[in-house]
Amino acid sequence: MLLDVNIDGASETFQIADAYRPDLSAISARIEQLANTKGLSVASLDMSGLIQAMIKGIAGCERGCPADAKGLTARGYKGFELNYVEGGILTARSVVGSGNRLTVKMFPDF
């Protein structure tokens, strides 16, 4: 899976090799560093929880529960506007700082 994060024009892409064991703390720390390059912080947002929910929305879970990207977008996630794009892509948007856009996109491997 690929995770693309854009914060006010600064972006970084992460390869998630194992959807069932992502290093959420390392990814979240790198996202915070990316925000810091713009003088912003995402510490108030649950980035680890969002990423985990997006992974499960696309990949499903270890015990056989089905992936449910559309259900996730209908439920929403803490301070993020979620959208499903055909092809299994999930997007999450939020505002940080004084109106700066944070966009997170999760792309499946298939």
N, C-alpha and C. Protein backbone atom coordinates (compact mmCIF):
# COMPACT_ATOMS: atom_id res chain seq x y z
N MET A 1 0.84 -1.17 0.00
CA MET A 1 0.00 0.00 0.00
C MET A 1 0.89 1.23 0.00
N LEU A 2 0.36 2.27 -0.59
CA LEU A 2 1.05 3.55 -0.58
C LEU A 2 0.23 4.57 0.19
N LEU A 3 0.91 5.36 0.98
CA LEU A 3 0.29 6.44 1.73
C LEU A 3 0.95 7.73 1.27
N ASP A 4 0.15 8.66 0.78
CA ASP A 4 0.66 9.95 0.33
C ASP A 4 0.11 11.02 1.24
N VAL A 5 1.00 11.84 1.80
CA VAL A 5 0.60 12.89 2.73
C VAL A 5 1.05 14.23 2.16
N ASN A 6 0.13 15.19 2.13
CA ASN A 6 0.43 16.53 1.64
C ASN A 6 -0.04 17.53 2.69
N ILE A 7 0.89 18.37 3.13
CA ILE A 7 0.57 19.41 4.10
C ILE A 7 0.98 20.74 3.52
N ASP A 8 0.01 21.51 3.10
CA ASP A 8 0.25 22.86 2.58
C ASP A 8 1.34 22.87 1.51
N GLY A 9 1.30 21.89 0.60
CA GLY A 9 2.23 21.84 -0.52
C GLY A 9 3.46 20.97 -0.30
N ALA A 10 3.77 20.62 0.93
CA ALA A 10 4.89 19.71 1.22
C ALA A 10 4.33 18.30 1.25
N SER A 11 4.99 17.37 0.57
CA SER A 11 4.43 16.02 0.53
C SER A 11 5.49 14.96 0.76
N GLU A 12 5.02 13.81 1.18
CA GLU A 12 5.87 12.63 1.37
C GLU A 12 5.02 11.40 1.09
N THR A 13 5.65 10.40 0.49
CA THR A 13 4.97 9.13 0.19
C THR A 13 5.62 8.03 1.01
N PHE A 14 4.79 7.18 1.59
CA PHE A 14 5.25 6.07 2.42
C PHE A 14 4.81 4.75 1.79
N GLN A 15 5.70 3.80 1.72
CA GLN A 15 5.36 2.44 1.29
C GLN A 15 5.03 1.65 2.55
N ILE A 16 3.86 1.06 2.59
CA ILE A 16 3.47 0.21 3.72
C ILE A 16 3.55 -1.22 3.23
N ALA A 17 4.64 -1.89 3.58
CA ALA A 17 4.92 -3.23 3.07
C ALA A 17 3.98 -4.28 3.65
N ASP A 18 3.69 -4.18 4.93
CA ASP A 18 2.84 -5.17 5.59
C ASP A 18 1.63 -4.46 6.20
N ALA A 19 0.50 -4.58 5.55
CA ALA A 19 -0.71 -3.89 6.00
C ALA A 19 -1.17 -4.34 7.38
N TYR A 20 -0.75 -5.53 7.81
CA TYR A 20 -1.17 -6.04 9.10
C TYR A 20 -0.21 -5.68 10.23
N ARG A 21 0.94 -5.12 9.89
CA ARG A 21 1.92 -4.71 10.89
C ARG A 21 2.62 -3.41 10.50
N PRO A 22 1.86 -2.37 10.23
CA PRO A 22 2.50 -1.10 9.86
C PRO A 22 3.18 -0.46 11.08
N ASP A 23 4.26 0.23 10.85
CA ASP A 23 4.94 0.95 11.93
C ASP A 23 4.29 2.32 12.07
N LEU A 24 3.14 2.33 12.73
CA LEU A 24 2.33 3.55 12.83
C LEU A 24 3.05 4.68 13.56
N SER A 25 3.82 4.35 14.59
CA SER A 25 4.51 5.41 15.33
C SER A 25 5.58 6.07 14.47
N ALA A 26 6.30 5.29 13.67
CA ALA A 26 7.33 5.86 12.78
C ALA A 26 6.69 6.72 11.69
N ILE A 27 5.60 6.23 11.11
CA ILE A 27 4.91 6.99 10.07
C ILE A 27 4.35 8.29 10.65
N SER A 28 3.73 8.21 11.81
CA SER A 28 3.17 9.41 12.45
C SER A 28 4.26 10.42 12.78
N ALA A 29 5.41 9.93 13.24
CA ALA A 29 6.53 10.83 13.56
C ALA A 29 7.03 11.54 12.30
N ARG A 30 7.11 10.83 11.19
CA ARG A 30 7.55 11.44 9.94
C ARG A 30 6.53 12.46 9.42
N ILE A 31 5.24 12.18 9.64
CA ILE A 31 4.21 13.14 9.25
C ILE A 31 4.32 14.41 10.10
N GLU A 32 4.58 14.24 11.39
CA GLU A 32 4.77 15.40 12.27
C GLU A 32 5.99 16.21 11.82
N GLN A 33 7.07 15.52 11.43
CA GLN A 33 8.26 16.22 10.93
C GLN A 33 7.93 17.00 9.65
N LEU A 34 7.13 16.39 8.78
CA LEU A 34 6.72 17.07 7.55
C LEU A 34 5.93 18.33 7.89
N ALA A 35 5.02 18.23 8.84
CA ALA A 35 4.25 19.40 9.27
C ALA A 35 5.17 20.47 9.85
N ASN A 36 6.17 20.05 10.60
CA ASN A 36 7.11 21.00 11.21
C ASN A 36 7.86 21.81 10.16
N THR A 37 8.10 21.24 8.98
CA THR A 37 8.79 21.98 7.92
C THR A 37 7.97 23.18 7.45
N LYS A 38 6.68 23.14 7.70
CA LYS A 38 5.78 24.24 7.35
C LYS A 38 5.41 25.09 8.57
N GLY A 39 6.08 24.80 9.71
CA GLY A 39 5.77 25.53 10.93
C GLY A 39 4.44 25.14 11.53
N LEU A 40 3.99 23.92 11.23
CA LEU A 40 2.69 23.42 11.69
C LEU A 40 2.88 22.20 12.57
N SER A 41 1.80 21.77 13.20
CA SER A 41 1.80 20.55 13.99
C SER A 41 0.52 19.77 13.72
N VAL A 42 0.64 18.46 13.70
CA VAL A 42 -0.53 17.60 13.57
C VAL A 42 -0.73 16.79 14.85
N ALA A 43 -0.07 17.21 15.94
CA ALA A 43 -0.12 16.48 17.20
C ALA A 43 -1.54 16.34 17.74
N SER A 44 -2.42 17.27 17.43
CA SER A 44 -3.80 17.20 17.94
C SER A 44 -4.67 16.22 17.15
N LEU A 45 -4.16 15.74 16.02
CA LEU A 45 -4.90 14.79 15.19
C LEU A 45 -4.44 13.37 15.47
N ASP A 46 -5.34 12.43 15.41
CA ASP A 46 -5.01 11.01 15.63
C ASP A 46 -4.54 10.40 14.31
N MET A 47 -3.30 10.72 13.91
CA MET A 47 -2.78 10.23 12.63
C MET A 47 -2.63 8.71 12.64
N SER A 48 -2.13 8.13 13.73
CA SER A 48 -1.96 6.68 13.80
C SER A 48 -3.30 5.97 13.66
N GLY A 49 -4.31 6.46 14.37
CA GLY A 49 -5.64 5.86 14.29
C GLY A 49 -6.24 5.99 12.90
N LEU A 50 -6.05 7.17 12.29
CA LEU A 50 -6.56 7.39 10.94
C LEU A 50 -5.92 6.42 9.95
N ILE A 51 -4.60 6.32 9.99
CA ILE A 51 -3.88 5.45 9.06
C ILE A 51 -4.31 4.00 9.25
N GLN A 52 -4.42 3.57 10.50
CA GLN A 52 -4.85 2.20 10.77
C GLN A 52 -6.27 1.97 10.24
N ALA A 53 -7.17 2.92 10.43
CA ALA A 53 -8.54 2.78 9.93
C ALA A 53 -8.56 2.74 8.40
N MET A 54 -7.71 3.56 7.77
CA MET A 54 -7.66 3.56 6.30
C MET A 54 -7.12 2.24 5.77
N ILE A 55 -6.10 1.69 6.43
CA ILE A 55 -5.56 0.39 6.02
C ILE A 55 -6.64 -0.67 6.12
N LYS A 56 -7.34 -0.71 7.26
CA LYS A 56 -8.40 -1.71 7.43
C LYS A 56 -9.54 -1.48 6.45
N GLY A 57 -9.79 -0.23 6.10
CA GLY A 57 -10.84 0.07 5.13
C GLY A 57 -10.53 -0.48 3.76
N ILE A 58 -9.25 -0.61 3.45
CA ILE A 58 -8.84 -1.13 2.15
C ILE A 58 -8.49 -2.61 2.22
N ALA A 59 -7.69 -2.98 3.21
CA ALA A 59 -7.14 -4.34 3.25
C ALA A 59 -7.97 -5.32 4.05
N GLY A 60 -8.86 -4.87 4.88
CA GLY A 60 -9.58 -5.79 5.76
C GLY A 60 -8.80 -5.98 7.04
N CYS A 61 -9.01 -7.07 7.72
CA CYS A 61 -8.25 -7.32 8.94
C CYS A 61 -7.86 -8.79 9.02
N GLU A 62 -6.95 -9.10 9.93
CA GLU A 62 -6.35 -10.43 9.99
C GLU A 62 -7.34 -11.56 10.22
N ARG A 63 -8.41 -11.31 10.92
CA ARG A 63 -9.34 -12.40 11.25
C ARG A 63 -10.47 -12.53 10.24
N GLY A 64 -10.28 -12.00 9.05
CA GLY A 64 -11.23 -12.25 7.98
C GLY A 64 -12.35 -11.25 7.83
N CYS A 65 -12.34 -10.15 8.62
CA CYS A 65 -13.42 -9.19 8.41
C CYS A 65 -13.21 -8.49 7.07
N PRO A 66 -14.26 -8.18 6.38
CA PRO A 66 -14.11 -7.60 5.04
C PRO A 66 -13.63 -6.15 5.08
N ALA A 67 -12.93 -5.77 4.05
CA ALA A 67 -12.57 -4.37 3.90
C ALA A 67 -13.85 -3.57 3.70
N ASP A 68 -13.90 -2.38 4.25
CA ASP A 68 -15.13 -1.59 4.18
C ASP A 68 -14.80 -0.11 4.03
N ALA A 69 -14.17 0.23 2.91
CA ALA A 69 -13.78 1.62 2.67
C ALA A 69 -14.99 2.55 2.62
N LYS A 70 -16.05 2.12 1.97
CA LYS A 70 -17.23 2.97 1.86
C LYS A 70 -17.90 3.16 3.21
N GLY A 71 -17.91 2.12 4.03
CA GLY A 71 -18.47 2.23 5.38
C GLY A 71 -17.66 3.20 6.24
N LEU A 72 -16.34 3.14 6.09
CA LEU A 72 -15.47 4.06 6.83
C LEU A 72 -15.76 5.50 6.44
N THR A 73 -15.93 5.76 5.16
CA THR A 73 -16.22 7.13 4.74
C THR A 73 -17.58 7.60 5.26
N ALA A 74 -18.53 6.69 5.34
CA ALA A 74 -19.86 7.05 5.86
C ALA A 74 -19.79 7.37 7.36
N ARG A 75 -18.99 6.61 8.11
CA ARG A 75 -18.84 6.83 9.55
C ARG A 75 -17.98 8.05 9.85
N GLY A 76 -16.98 8.29 9.00
CA GLY A 76 -16.05 9.39 9.23
C GLY A 76 -14.99 9.01 10.25
N TYR A 77 -14.07 9.93 10.47
CA TYR A 77 -13.02 9.71 11.47
C TYR A 77 -12.57 11.04 12.05
N LYS A 78 -12.65 11.18 13.34
CA LYS A 78 -12.19 12.28 14.18
C LYS A 78 -11.55 13.48 13.47
N GLY A 79 -12.32 14.42 13.06
CA GLY A 79 -11.78 15.66 12.51
C GLY A 79 -11.33 15.60 11.06
N PHE A 80 -11.61 14.48 10.38
CA PHE A 80 -11.23 14.33 8.99
C PHE A 80 -12.46 14.17 8.11
N GLU A 81 -12.40 14.73 6.93
CA GLU A 81 -13.42 14.51 5.90
C GLU A 81 -12.89 13.36 5.04
N LEU A 82 -13.61 12.25 5.00
CA LEU A 82 -13.16 11.07 4.27
C LEU A 82 -13.94 10.90 2.97
N ASN A 83 -13.24 10.43 1.95
CA ASN A 83 -13.87 10.14 0.67
C ASN A 83 -13.30 8.85 0.10
N TYR A 84 -14.16 8.14 -0.63
CA TYR A 84 -13.75 6.93 -1.34
C TYR A 84 -13.67 7.27 -2.82
N VAL A 85 -12.57 6.89 -3.45
CA VAL A 85 -12.38 7.10 -4.88
C VAL A 85 -12.36 5.72 -5.53
N GLU A 86 -13.08 5.56 -6.64
CA GLU A 86 -13.13 4.26 -7.31
C GLU A 86 -11.72 3.71 -7.49
N GLY A 87 -11.59 2.41 -7.33
CA GLY A 87 -10.30 1.76 -7.41
C GLY A 87 -9.73 1.45 -6.04
N GLY A 88 -10.50 1.75 -4.99
CA GLY A 88 -10.07 1.42 -3.64
C GLY A 88 -9.23 2.49 -2.96
N ILE A 89 -9.23 3.70 -3.47
CA ILE A 89 -8.42 4.77 -2.89
C ILE A 89 -9.25 5.50 -1.84
N LEU A 90 -8.64 5.73 -0.69
CA LEU A 90 -9.27 6.51 0.37
C LEU A 90 -8.54 7.83 0.52
N THR A 91 -9.28 8.91 0.72
CA THR A 91 -8.68 10.20 0.99
C THR A 91 -9.24 10.75 2.30
N ALA A 92 -8.39 11.45 3.02
CA ALA A 92 -8.79 12.10 4.27
C ALA A 92 -8.26 13.53 4.21
N ARG A 93 -9.12 14.47 4.58
CA ARG A 93 -8.72 15.88 4.57
C ARG A 93 -9.05 16.51 5.92
N SER A 94 -8.17 17.41 6.32
CA SER A 94 -8.39 18.18 7.54
C SER A 94 -7.69 19.52 7.39
N VAL A 95 -7.94 20.40 8.32
CA VAL A 95 -7.30 21.71 8.34
C VAL A 95 -6.42 21.78 9.58
N VAL A 96 -5.18 22.23 9.39
CA VAL A 96 -4.26 22.40 10.52
C VAL A 96 -3.79 23.85 10.54
N GLY A 97 -3.42 24.30 11.72
CA GLY A 97 -2.93 25.68 11.84
C GLY A 97 -4.01 26.67 11.47
N SER A 98 -3.63 27.67 10.71
CA SER A 98 -4.55 28.74 10.32
C SER A 98 -5.08 28.51 8.91
N GLY A 99 -5.78 27.40 8.73
CA GLY A 99 -6.40 27.11 7.44
C GLY A 99 -5.54 26.34 6.46
N ASN A 100 -4.45 25.73 6.92
CA ASN A 100 -3.59 24.94 6.05
C ASN A 100 -4.19 23.56 5.84
N ARG A 101 -4.17 23.09 4.59
CA ARG A 101 -4.79 21.81 4.24
C ARG A 101 -3.85 20.64 4.47
N LEU A 102 -4.38 19.61 5.09
CA LEU A 102 -3.70 18.32 5.25
C LEU A 102 -4.50 17.31 4.44
N THR A 103 -3.86 16.64 3.50
CA THR A 103 -4.52 15.61 2.70
C THR A 103 -3.73 14.31 2.82
N VAL A 104 -4.44 13.24 3.13
CA VAL A 104 -3.85 11.91 3.24
C VAL A 104 -4.56 11.02 2.24
N LYS A 105 -3.78 10.32 1.41
CA LYS A 105 -4.37 9.39 0.43
C LYS A 105 -3.75 8.01 0.63
N MET A 106 -4.60 7.00 0.66
CA MET A 106 -4.15 5.61 0.79
C MET A 106 -4.50 4.88 -0.50
N PHE A 107 -3.49 4.27 -1.11
CA PHE A 107 -3.66 3.54 -2.37
C PHE A 107 -3.44 2.05 -2.12
N PRO A 108 -4.33 1.20 -2.61
CA PRO A 108 -4.16 -0.25 -2.43
C PRO A 108 -3.05 -0.79 -3.33
N ASP A 109 -2.60 -2.00 -3.04
CA ASP A 109 -1.57 -2.65 -3.85
C ASP A 109 -2.12 -3.34 -5.08
N PHE A 110 -3.44 -3.58 -5.11
CA PHE A 110 -3.97 -4.36 -6.24
C PHE A 110 -4.22 -3.52 -7.45
